[in-house]
Amino acid sequence: MKLFIDTANVEEIRKAHDLGVIAGVTTNPSLIAKEGRDFFETVKEIVSIVGNLPISAEVISLESKEMVEQGRKLAALGDSIVVKVPMTEEGLKATKIFTAEGIKTNVTLIFSSPQALLAARAGATYVSPFIGRLDDINQVGMNLIKEISQIFKVHNIKSEIISASVRHSSHVIEAALLGADIATVPYKVIQGMAKHPLTDAGIERFLADWEGAKQNNF
């Protein structure tokens, strides 16, 4: 399973990219607003950091005509741009147009298998079911990943499944086991995935042993 980083913080993106572990970036208007920066300038800088890796940048209109206009402007920023659209009827209309024009899309805010199927049939490059938000309302988010994965496999649907609203490393592993193609995660989750108390203890032991060996050698 591939990992995308879910942020608009360019320093976090740079750090994750330097680790060599991410295969893309997802953003949304809320994340960019949180950074207090110009939308297009932020996206341009992300492109400069990650190059050809896919970067999901979201339209902010609710009307398909405006979505298409905004999406074309975003796509003009580089071949790596994936236009992110909401899972609505208007979003599906826009997805169909983008697909016909060869513009990649990420249909977001998916909370059911029927929504995922509609998005895929409209031509979405990626579909983004939100796991954590389902858990927040006492539904099992991973059941949605399992359902979508099974449907796409049975019908040979090419749209990739992005597990979104990921809260911790266990979400990542569960999604991978259930067939998600991608998990998009905050930088803090990537940091958490890299850590284990036994690793830390082992490093401390190795360093202590090495110090002792050096003293014995001299």
Protein backbone atom coordinates (compact mmCIF):
# COMPACT_ATOMS: atom_id res chain seq x y z
CA MET A 1 0.00 0.00 0.00
CA LYS A 2 1.18 3.50 -0.85
CA LEU A 3 1.34 6.35 1.63
CA PHE A 4 0.30 9.92 0.89
CA ILE A 5 0.82 12.75 3.36
CA ASP A 6 -2.32 14.69 4.26
CA THR A 7 -1.26 18.26 4.95
CA ALA A 8 -0.63 21.67 3.41
CA ASN A 9 2.35 22.36 5.65
CA VAL A 10 5.29 22.51 3.26
CA GLU A 11 7.84 21.76 5.97
CA GLU A 12 6.04 18.56 6.92
CA ILE A 13 5.83 17.62 3.24
CA ARG A 14 9.54 18.27 2.79
CA LYS A 15 10.42 16.16 5.85
CA ALA A 16 8.20 13.26 4.75
CA HIS A 17 9.56 13.44 1.20
CA ASP A 18 13.12 13.35 2.52
CA LEU A 19 12.29 10.10 4.32
CA GLY A 20 11.50 8.53 0.96
CA VAL A 21 8.24 7.00 2.18
CA ILE A 22 5.47 9.07 0.56
CA ALA A 23 4.00 8.51 -2.89
CA GLY A 24 1.80 11.61 -2.99
CA VAL A 25 0.17 14.51 -1.15
CA THR A 26 -3.44 15.33 -0.34
CA THR A 27 -4.64 18.77 0.68
CA ASN A 28 -7.98 20.46 1.18
CA PRO A 29 -9.17 24.06 1.69
CA SER A 30 -9.22 23.64 5.48
CA LEU A 31 -5.61 22.47 5.58
CA ILE A 32 -4.43 25.32 3.37
CA ALA A 33 -6.45 27.88 5.34
CA LYS A 34 -4.81 26.56 8.51
CA GLU A 35 -1.43 27.55 7.06
CA GLY A 36 -2.64 31.11 6.38
CA ARG A 37 -1.11 31.16 2.91
CA ASP A 38 -2.23 31.86 -0.64
CA PHE A 39 -3.88 28.77 -2.12
CA PHE A 40 -2.11 28.68 -5.49
CA GLU A 41 1.28 29.66 -4.08
CA THR A 42 1.02 26.82 -1.57
CA VAL A 43 0.17 24.28 -4.26
CA LYS A 44 3.03 25.54 -6.45
CA GLU A 45 5.50 25.10 -3.60
CA ILE A 46 4.25 21.58 -2.93
CA VAL A 47 4.81 20.77 -6.62
CA SER A 48 8.37 22.09 -6.32
CA ILE A 49 9.04 19.78 -3.37
CA VAL A 50 7.55 16.47 -4.53
CA GLY A 51 7.88 16.83 -8.30
CA ASN A 52 5.85 14.27 -10.22
CA LEU A 53 4.16 12.67 -7.22
CA PRO A 54 0.36 13.12 -7.33
CA ILE A 55 -0.91 16.14 -5.41
CA SER A 56 -4.63 16.37 -4.65
CA ALA A 57 -5.83 19.98 -4.64
CA GLU A 58 -9.51 20.61 -3.98
CA VAL A 59 -12.02 22.82 -5.76
CA ILE A 60 -14.16 25.00 -3.53
CA SER A 61 -17.36 25.42 -5.57
CA LEU A 62 -20.55 23.41 -5.25
CA GLU A 63 -21.54 23.89 -8.90
CA SER A 64 -20.09 21.61 -11.56
CA LYS A 65 -19.39 24.42 -14.04
CA GLU A 66 -17.33 26.33 -11.50
CA MET A 67 -15.66 23.12 -10.30
CA VAL A 68 -14.50 22.49 -13.86
CA GLU A 69 -13.19 26.03 -14.24
CA GLN A 70 -11.31 25.83 -10.95
CA GLY A 71 -10.04 22.33 -11.68
CA ARG A 72 -8.62 23.36 -15.04
CA LYS A 73 -6.70 26.18 -13.35
CA LEU A 74 -5.32 23.73 -10.80
CA ALA A 75 -4.40 21.17 -13.46
CA ALA A 76 -2.47 23.89 -15.32
CA LEU A 77 -0.04 24.03 -12.38
CA GLY A 78 1.49 20.70 -13.41
CA ASP A 79 0.88 17.17 -14.60
CA SER A 80 1.08 15.92 -11.01
CA ILE A 81 -2.07 17.78 -9.95
CA VAL A 82 -5.10 15.66 -9.08
CA VAL A 83 -8.31 17.68 -8.88
CA LYS A 84 -10.18 16.87 -5.70
CA VAL A 85 -13.98 17.13 -5.91
CA PRO A 86 -16.72 16.46 -3.35
CA MET A 87 -18.97 13.41 -3.59
CA THR A 88 -22.11 15.15 -4.83
CA GLU A 89 -24.12 14.99 -8.03
CA GLU A 90 -22.37 18.16 -9.18
CA GLY A 91 -19.05 16.62 -8.26
CA LEU A 92 -19.84 13.56 -10.37
CA LYS A 93 -20.68 15.79 -13.35
CA ALA A 94 -17.35 17.55 -12.97
CA THR A 95 -15.51 14.24 -12.59
CA LYS A 96 -16.95 13.01 -15.88
CA ILE A 97 -15.74 16.16 -17.66
CA PHE A 98 -12.29 16.02 -16.08
CA THR A 99 -11.97 12.35 -17.07
CA ALA A 100 -12.83 13.16 -20.68
CA GLU A 101 -10.15 15.86 -20.65
CA GLY A 102 -7.50 13.56 -19.17
CA ILE A 103 -7.42 15.36 -15.82
CA LYS A 104 -6.97 13.08 -12.81
CA THR A 105 -9.53 13.30 -10.01
CA ASN A 106 -9.93 12.38 -6.37
CA VAL A 107 -13.55 12.16 -5.24
CA THR A 108 -13.58 12.94 -1.54
CA LEU A 109 -15.95 12.83 1.44
CA ILE A 110 -17.12 9.32 0.63
CA PHE A 111 -18.97 7.57 3.45
CA SER A 112 -20.70 4.65 1.69
CA SER A 113 -20.03 1.96 -0.89
CA PRO A 114 -22.72 3.29 -3.29
CA GLN A 115 -20.97 6.67 -3.26
CA ALA A 116 -17.64 5.01 -4.05
CA LEU A 117 -19.19 3.04 -6.91
CA LEU A 118 -20.75 6.16 -8.42
CA ALA A 119 -17.46 8.04 -8.18
CA ALA A 120 -15.58 5.20 -9.85
CA ARG A 121 -18.13 4.94 -12.66
CA ALA A 122 -17.86 8.68 -13.25
CA GLY A 123 -14.18 8.08 -13.91
CA ALA A 124 -12.50 9.02 -10.63
CA THR A 125 -8.80 8.23 -10.50
CA TYR A 126 -9.08 7.94 -6.73
CA VAL A 127 -11.97 7.54 -4.28
CA SER A 128 -11.48 8.71 -0.70
CA PRO A 129 -13.60 7.02 2.00
CA PHE A 130 -13.26 8.76 5.37
CA ILE A 131 -12.51 6.19 8.05
CA GLY A 132 -12.00 8.21 11.21
CA ARG A 133 -15.13 10.28 10.78
CA LEU A 134 -17.23 7.11 10.53
CA ASP A 135 -15.61 5.81 13.71
CA ASP A 136 -16.52 9.13 15.34
CA ILE A 137 -20.23 8.39 14.85
CA ASN A 138 -19.95 4.81 16.12
CA GLN A 139 -19.73 3.16 12.72
CA VAL A 140 -16.82 0.89 11.83
CA GLY A 141 -14.90 2.78 9.20
CA MET A 142 -12.86 -0.24 8.16
CA ASN A 143 -16.01 -2.06 7.11
CA LEU A 144 -16.36 0.54 4.37
CA ILE A 145 -12.82 -0.10 3.13
CA LYS A 146 -13.58 -3.83 3.02
CA GLU A 147 -16.83 -3.35 1.07
CA ILE A 148 -15.35 -0.96 -1.49
CA SER A 149 -12.29 -3.15 -1.98
CA GLN A 150 -14.44 -6.23 -2.61
CA ILE A 151 -16.74 -4.42 -5.04
CA PHE A 152 -13.85 -2.97 -7.02
CA LYS A 153 -12.10 -6.35 -7.17
CA VAL A 154 -15.18 -8.26 -8.31
CA HIS A 155 -15.92 -5.76 -11.08
CA ASN A 156 -12.31 -4.98 -12.02
CA ILE A 157 -12.72 -1.28 -11.24
CA LYS A 158 -9.49 0.63 -11.70
CA SER A 159 -10.12 3.59 -9.38
CA GLU A 160 -7.69 3.49 -6.46
CA ILE A 161 -8.98 3.52 -2.89
CA ILE A 162 -7.49 6.15 -0.60
CA SER A 163 -8.16 5.57 3.10
CA ALA A 164 -8.67 9.08 4.43
CA SER A 165 -9.32 10.56 7.86
CA VAL A 166 -6.67 8.22 9.23
CA ARG A 167 -5.98 8.82 12.91
CA HIS A 168 -3.21 6.36 13.83
CA SER A 169 -0.89 3.66 12.54
CA SER A 170 -3.36 0.86 13.31
CA HIS A 171 -5.74 2.45 10.79
CA VAL A 172 -2.98 2.26 8.18
CA ILE A 173 -2.31 -1.44 8.74
CA GLU A 174 -5.99 -2.38 8.88
CA ALA A 175 -6.66 -0.51 5.64
CA ALA A 176 -3.70 -2.23 3.98
CA LEU A 177 -4.95 -5.66 5.03
CA LEU A 178 -8.45 -4.90 3.75
CA GLY A 179 -7.31 -3.90 0.29
CA ALA A 180 -6.92 -0.11 0.28
CA ASP A 181 -4.42 1.06 -2.32
CA ILE A 182 -3.35 4.15 -0.40
CA ALA A 183 -3.57 5.66 3.07
CA THR A 184 -3.28 9.42 3.34
CA VAL A 185 -1.99 10.35 6.75
CA PRO A 186 -0.89 13.36 8.81
CA TYR A 187 2.85 13.73 9.39
CA LYS A 188 2.42 12.77 13.04
CA VAL A 189 1.11 9.35 11.96
CA ILE A 190 4.20 8.81 9.80
CA GLN A 191 6.34 9.71 12.80
CA GLY A 192 4.38 7.27 14.95
CA MET A 193 4.83 4.49 12.41
CA ALA A 194 8.61 4.92 12.60
CA LYS A 195 8.75 4.46 16.36
CA HIS A 196 8.68 1.46 18.66
CA PRO A 197 9.85 1.30 22.28
CA LEU A 198 11.87 -1.87 21.63
CA THR A 199 13.70 -0.12 18.79
CA ASP A 200 14.61 2.72 21.15
CA ALA A 201 15.71 0.26 23.83
CA GLY A 202 17.76 -1.71 21.31
CA ILE A 203 19.56 1.43 20.11
CA GLU A 204 20.35 2.43 23.67
CA ARG A 205 21.76 -1.05 24.34
CA PHE A 206 23.86 -1.05 21.18
CA LEU A 207 25.29 2.36 22.00
CA ALA A 208 26.08 1.31 25.56
CA ASP A 209 27.77 -1.88 24.35
CA TRP A 210 29.77 0.04 21.77
CA GLU A 211 31.00 2.51 24.39
CA GLY A 212 32.13 -0.43 26.51
CA ALA A 213 33.87 -2.06 23.56
CA LYS A 214 35.76 1.13 22.75
CA GLN A 215 36.99 1.39 26.35
CA ASN A 216 38.17 -2.22 26.31
CA ASN A 217 40.00 -1.65 23.03
CA PHE A 218 42.01 1.12 24.58
